[in-house]
Amino acid sequence: MQTTLMIYDGAAPADSDVLRTGGVPLAPAGFAWPLCGCGGPLQFFAHLPVEDGVLSVFLCQNDPGACEFWDASSSANRVHLFPREGLQPVAVPEAGLTLLPATSAIRTHVVTIDREDACDEEGIEPDAYDLARSGWKREPEERFGKQREVLGSLGGSPSYLEDDRLPACPSCTGTMEFAAHLEEGMTWETAMNLGGQLGYVFVCRPCREGAFLTD
């Protein structure tokens, strides 16, 4: 089993074209800042360069708990799949909670775990992401490692998510492909409020549609 963890790597320039949470979104010319159904602007969460573009993730934080950012079909979240070329910093709305207090750089680290060694006594294979995250920088005598440094993962399969929660593409109605996990963050300065849950990013590459949910 291989899991590509996303690891906190210090501060990053707000408009850098690298894996990061926070900062300002990069988008094609003419992009309009997304709005929630409540009327307020969404908060920019993450800039995730992937093999066929950039995933740009937004959530509503204007009234946490009131707008259903955890629901893939809600207007309280938005995931855009942009092409890599021609991206530029987006003008930030003057009102509303639009940006995180800090920009966090992300580096990737591939964790490989032998399937046979990972299975428990009953032969049940554990969740790959949970196993990789819980073991990050964990010493043999420790119960927990430095899990707070893990900001999520790229690719793989969605951690402990039931099939009936996999979102359908709004354009073609097909089941969307899992793209990334997103954790809240290391500290209050860098964290997005996900209600203590894990974020899931999905994409339909042919339709260039995205979706977000928490669980």
Protein backbone atom coordinates (compact mmCIF):
# COMPACT_ATOMS: atom_id res chain seq x y z
CA MET A 1 0.00 0.00 0.00
CA GLN A 2 1.31 3.44 -0.91
CA THR A 3 0.03 6.73 0.45
CA THR A 4 1.28 10.15 -0.64
CA LEU A 5 1.08 12.23 2.52
CA MET A 6 1.00 16.03 2.38
CA ILE A 7 3.31 17.39 5.10
CA TYR A 8 3.44 20.90 6.54
CA ASP A 9 6.62 22.59 5.26
CA GLY A 10 6.62 26.07 6.80
CA ALA A 11 5.34 29.33 5.37
CA ALA A 12 4.87 29.94 1.65
CA PRO A 13 4.35 33.06 -0.49
CA ALA A 14 0.64 33.82 -0.71
CA ASP A 15 0.53 33.61 -4.52
CA SER A 16 2.98 30.74 -5.11
CA ASP A 17 2.10 28.01 -7.60
CA VAL A 18 2.99 25.18 -5.20
CA LEU A 19 1.07 22.77 -3.00
CA ARG A 20 -0.28 24.94 -0.18
CA THR A 21 -3.16 25.81 2.07
CA GLY A 22 -4.12 29.45 2.44
CA GLY A 23 -2.82 32.38 0.46
CA VAL A 24 -4.75 33.67 -2.55
CA PRO A 25 -6.21 31.50 -5.30
CA LEU A 26 -4.64 31.39 -8.76
CA ALA A 27 -7.18 31.20 -11.56
CA PRO A 28 -7.66 31.99 -15.26
CA ALA A 29 -8.45 35.57 -16.22
CA GLY A 30 -12.07 36.49 -15.64
CA PHE A 31 -12.61 34.10 -12.74
CA ALA A 32 -15.22 35.41 -10.29
CA TRP A 33 -14.75 34.70 -6.56
CA PRO A 34 -17.32 32.02 -5.62
CA LEU A 35 -20.25 32.90 -3.36
CA CYS A 36 -22.19 30.75 -0.91
CA GLY A 37 -25.95 30.46 -0.93
CA CYS A 38 -25.90 32.67 2.17
CA GLY A 39 -24.68 35.50 -0.06
CA GLY A 40 -21.17 35.74 1.41
CA PRO A 41 -17.89 34.90 -0.35
CA LEU A 42 -16.34 31.50 0.23
CA GLN A 43 -13.02 31.23 2.04
CA PHE A 44 -10.08 29.95 -0.02
CA PHE A 45 -8.65 26.79 1.51
CA ALA A 46 -6.14 25.02 -0.73
CA HIS A 47 -4.15 25.22 -3.98
CA LEU A 48 -3.37 21.67 -5.11
CA PRO A 49 -1.38 21.22 -8.34
CA VAL A 50 -2.15 17.79 -9.80
CA GLU A 51 -1.11 16.02 -13.00
CA ASP A 52 -3.75 17.64 -15.22
CA GLY A 53 -4.23 21.04 -13.62
CA VAL A 54 -4.77 22.76 -10.28
CA LEU A 55 -7.50 21.96 -7.78
CA SER A 56 -8.69 25.10 -6.01
CA VAL A 57 -10.78 24.48 -2.87
CA PHE A 58 -13.19 26.97 -1.25
CA LEU A 59 -15.51 26.65 1.78
CA CYS A 60 -18.00 28.98 3.48
CA GLN A 61 -16.91 30.22 6.90
CA ASN A 62 -19.20 33.24 7.21
CA ASP A 63 -21.43 31.50 9.76
CA PRO A 64 -19.84 28.13 10.65
CA GLY A 65 -22.45 25.45 11.17
CA ALA A 66 -25.19 27.36 9.38
CA CYS A 67 -24.01 26.70 5.83
CA GLU A 68 -23.53 23.01 4.97
CA PHE A 69 -19.93 23.07 3.71
CA TRP A 70 -19.68 19.37 4.59
CA ASP A 71 -22.20 18.37 1.90
CA ALA A 72 -20.87 17.75 -1.62
CA SER A 73 -24.07 19.13 -3.17
CA SER A 74 -24.08 22.35 -1.11
CA SER A 75 -23.30 25.82 -2.44
CA ALA A 76 -21.20 26.29 0.72
CA ASN A 77 -18.16 24.68 -0.91
CA ARG A 78 -16.59 24.75 -4.33
CA VAL A 79 -13.76 22.82 -6.04
CA HIS A 80 -12.41 24.08 -9.37
CA LEU A 81 -10.07 22.17 -11.67
CA PHE A 82 -8.07 24.81 -13.55
CA PRO A 83 -5.48 24.29 -16.31
CA ARG A 84 -1.89 24.94 -15.24
CA GLU A 85 -1.30 27.65 -17.86
CA GLY A 86 -2.41 31.26 -17.60
CA LEU A 87 -3.17 31.33 -13.90
CA GLN A 88 -2.99 34.63 -12.04
CA PRO A 89 -3.79 35.84 -8.50
CA VAL A 90 -7.49 36.55 -7.99
CA ALA A 91 -8.69 39.86 -6.56
CA VAL A 92 -9.90 39.24 -3.00
CA PRO A 93 -13.35 40.55 -1.98
CA GLU A 94 -13.21 43.33 0.59
CA ALA A 95 -15.92 41.85 2.83
CA GLY A 96 -16.39 38.38 4.32
CA LEU A 97 -14.06 35.64 5.58
CA THR A 98 -12.08 34.98 2.41
CA LEU A 99 -8.50 34.04 3.40
CA LEU A 100 -6.78 31.93 6.04
CA PRO A 101 -4.53 33.90 8.44
CA ALA A 102 -1.40 32.14 7.14
CA THR A 103 -0.13 30.37 4.01
CA SER A 104 1.32 26.90 4.58
CA ALA A 105 3.69 25.21 2.15
CA ILE A 106 3.23 21.48 1.62
CA ARG A 107 5.74 18.81 0.69
CA THR A 108 4.83 15.25 -0.22
CA HIS A 109 6.15 12.04 1.31
CA VAL A 110 5.29 8.57 -0.01
CA VAL A 111 4.67 5.96 2.70
CA THR A 112 4.84 2.30 1.64
CA ILE A 113 3.36 -0.34 3.93
CA ASP A 114 3.36 -4.08 3.29
CA ARG A 115 -0.23 -5.32 3.08
CA GLU A 116 0.47 -8.54 4.99
CA ASP A 117 2.24 -6.71 7.81
CA ALA A 118 -0.59 -4.17 8.04
CA CYS A 119 -3.42 -6.70 8.44
CA ASP A 120 -4.68 -7.39 11.94
CA GLU A 121 -5.05 -10.83 13.56
CA GLU A 122 -8.33 -11.41 11.70
CA GLY A 123 -6.71 -10.58 8.38
CA ILE A 124 -8.58 -7.29 7.96
CA GLU A 125 -6.65 -4.68 6.01
CA PRO A 126 -6.58 -1.30 7.78
CA ASP A 127 -7.23 2.04 6.13
CA ALA A 128 -4.11 3.11 4.21
CA TYR A 129 -4.34 6.85 4.93
CA ASP A 130 -5.12 6.38 8.62
CA LEU A 131 -2.20 4.00 9.00
CA ALA A 132 0.26 6.31 7.19
CA ARG A 133 -0.88 9.42 9.10
CA SER A 134 -0.85 7.78 12.53
CA GLY A 135 2.66 6.44 11.91
CA TRP A 136 4.19 9.74 10.77
CA LYS A 137 7.41 10.31 12.80
CA ARG A 138 6.27 7.82 15.42
CA GLU A 139 9.04 6.22 17.43
CA PRO A 140 8.77 2.48 18.26
CA GLU A 141 7.92 3.18 21.91
CA GLU A 142 5.37 5.90 21.14
CA ARG A 143 1.63 5.48 20.67
CA PHE A 144 1.32 8.54 18.43
CA GLY A 145 3.69 10.32 16.06
CA LYS A 146 3.57 13.91 14.81
CA GLN A 147 0.18 13.59 13.13
CA ARG A 148 -0.47 17.33 13.25
CA GLU A 149 2.22 17.84 10.61
CA VAL A 150 0.14 15.80 8.15
CA LEU A 151 -2.16 18.11 6.18
CA GLY A 152 -3.75 15.35 4.12
CA SER A 153 -2.84 13.15 1.17
CA LEU A 154 -2.97 13.07 -2.62
CA GLY A 155 -4.62 10.27 -4.59
CA GLY A 156 -5.29 6.82 -3.25
CA SER A 157 -8.72 6.00 -1.85
CA PRO A 158 -11.01 7.94 0.49
CA SER A 159 -10.45 7.05 4.14
CA TYR A 160 -13.36 5.22 5.81
CA LEU A 161 -15.91 6.75 3.43
CA GLU A 162 -19.01 4.72 2.57
CA ASP A 163 -19.82 4.23 -1.12
CA ASP A 164 -23.15 6.01 -0.78
CA ARG A 165 -21.31 9.24 0.05
CA LEU A 166 -19.21 9.26 -3.13
CA PRO A 167 -20.37 12.35 -5.07
CA ALA A 168 -21.76 12.22 -8.60
CA CYS A 169 -20.55 14.66 -11.24
CA PRO A 170 -23.21 17.35 -11.82
CA SER A 171 -22.44 17.31 -15.56
CA CYS A 172 -22.22 13.62 -16.53
CA THR A 173 -23.75 12.05 -13.34
CA GLY A 174 -20.84 9.58 -13.11
CA THR A 175 -19.14 8.81 -9.78
CA MET A 176 -16.35 11.30 -9.19
CA GLU A 177 -12.72 10.26 -8.66
CA PHE A 178 -11.11 10.77 -5.25
CA ALA A 179 -8.31 13.36 -5.41
CA ALA A 180 -7.18 14.35 -1.91
CA HIS A 181 -7.70 14.33 1.83
CA LEU A 182 -7.44 17.66 3.67
CA GLU A 183 -6.86 18.01 7.40
CA GLU A 184 -7.80 21.20 9.25
CA GLY A 185 -4.18 22.27 9.82
CA MET A 186 -1.45 22.45 12.45
CA THR A 187 -2.41 25.54 14.46
CA TRP A 188 -5.25 28.05 14.66
CA GLU A 189 -3.26 30.41 12.43
CA THR A 190 -3.03 27.86 9.62
CA ALA A 191 -6.22 25.85 10.12
CA MET A 192 -9.48 25.77 8.22
CA ASN A 193 -12.54 25.10 10.38
CA LEU A 194 -13.79 21.67 9.24
CA GLY A 195 -15.68 21.00 12.47
CA GLY A 196 -12.99 18.54 13.56
CA GLN A 197 -13.63 16.32 10.54
CA LEU A 198 -11.58 15.14 7.56
CA GLY A 199 -12.04 16.86 4.21
CA TYR A 200 -12.38 14.93 0.94
CA VAL A 201 -11.74 16.40 -2.52
CA PHE A 202 -13.20 14.71 -5.61
CA VAL A 203 -12.88 15.45 -9.30
CA CYS A 204 -14.44 14.45 -12.62
CA ARG A 205 -11.53 15.00 -14.98
CA PRO A 206 -13.41 14.67 -18.31
CA CYS A 207 -15.95 17.29 -17.19
CA ARG A 208 -13.39 19.29 -15.14
CA GLU A 209 -15.83 19.37 -12.23
CA GLY A 210 -14.91 19.10 -8.54
CA ALA A 211 -16.62 18.37 -5.23
CA PHE A 212 -15.85 18.57 -1.52
CA LEU A 213 -17.30 16.94 1.61
CA THR A 214 -16.29 16.12 5.17
CA ASP A 215 -16.72 13.01 7.26
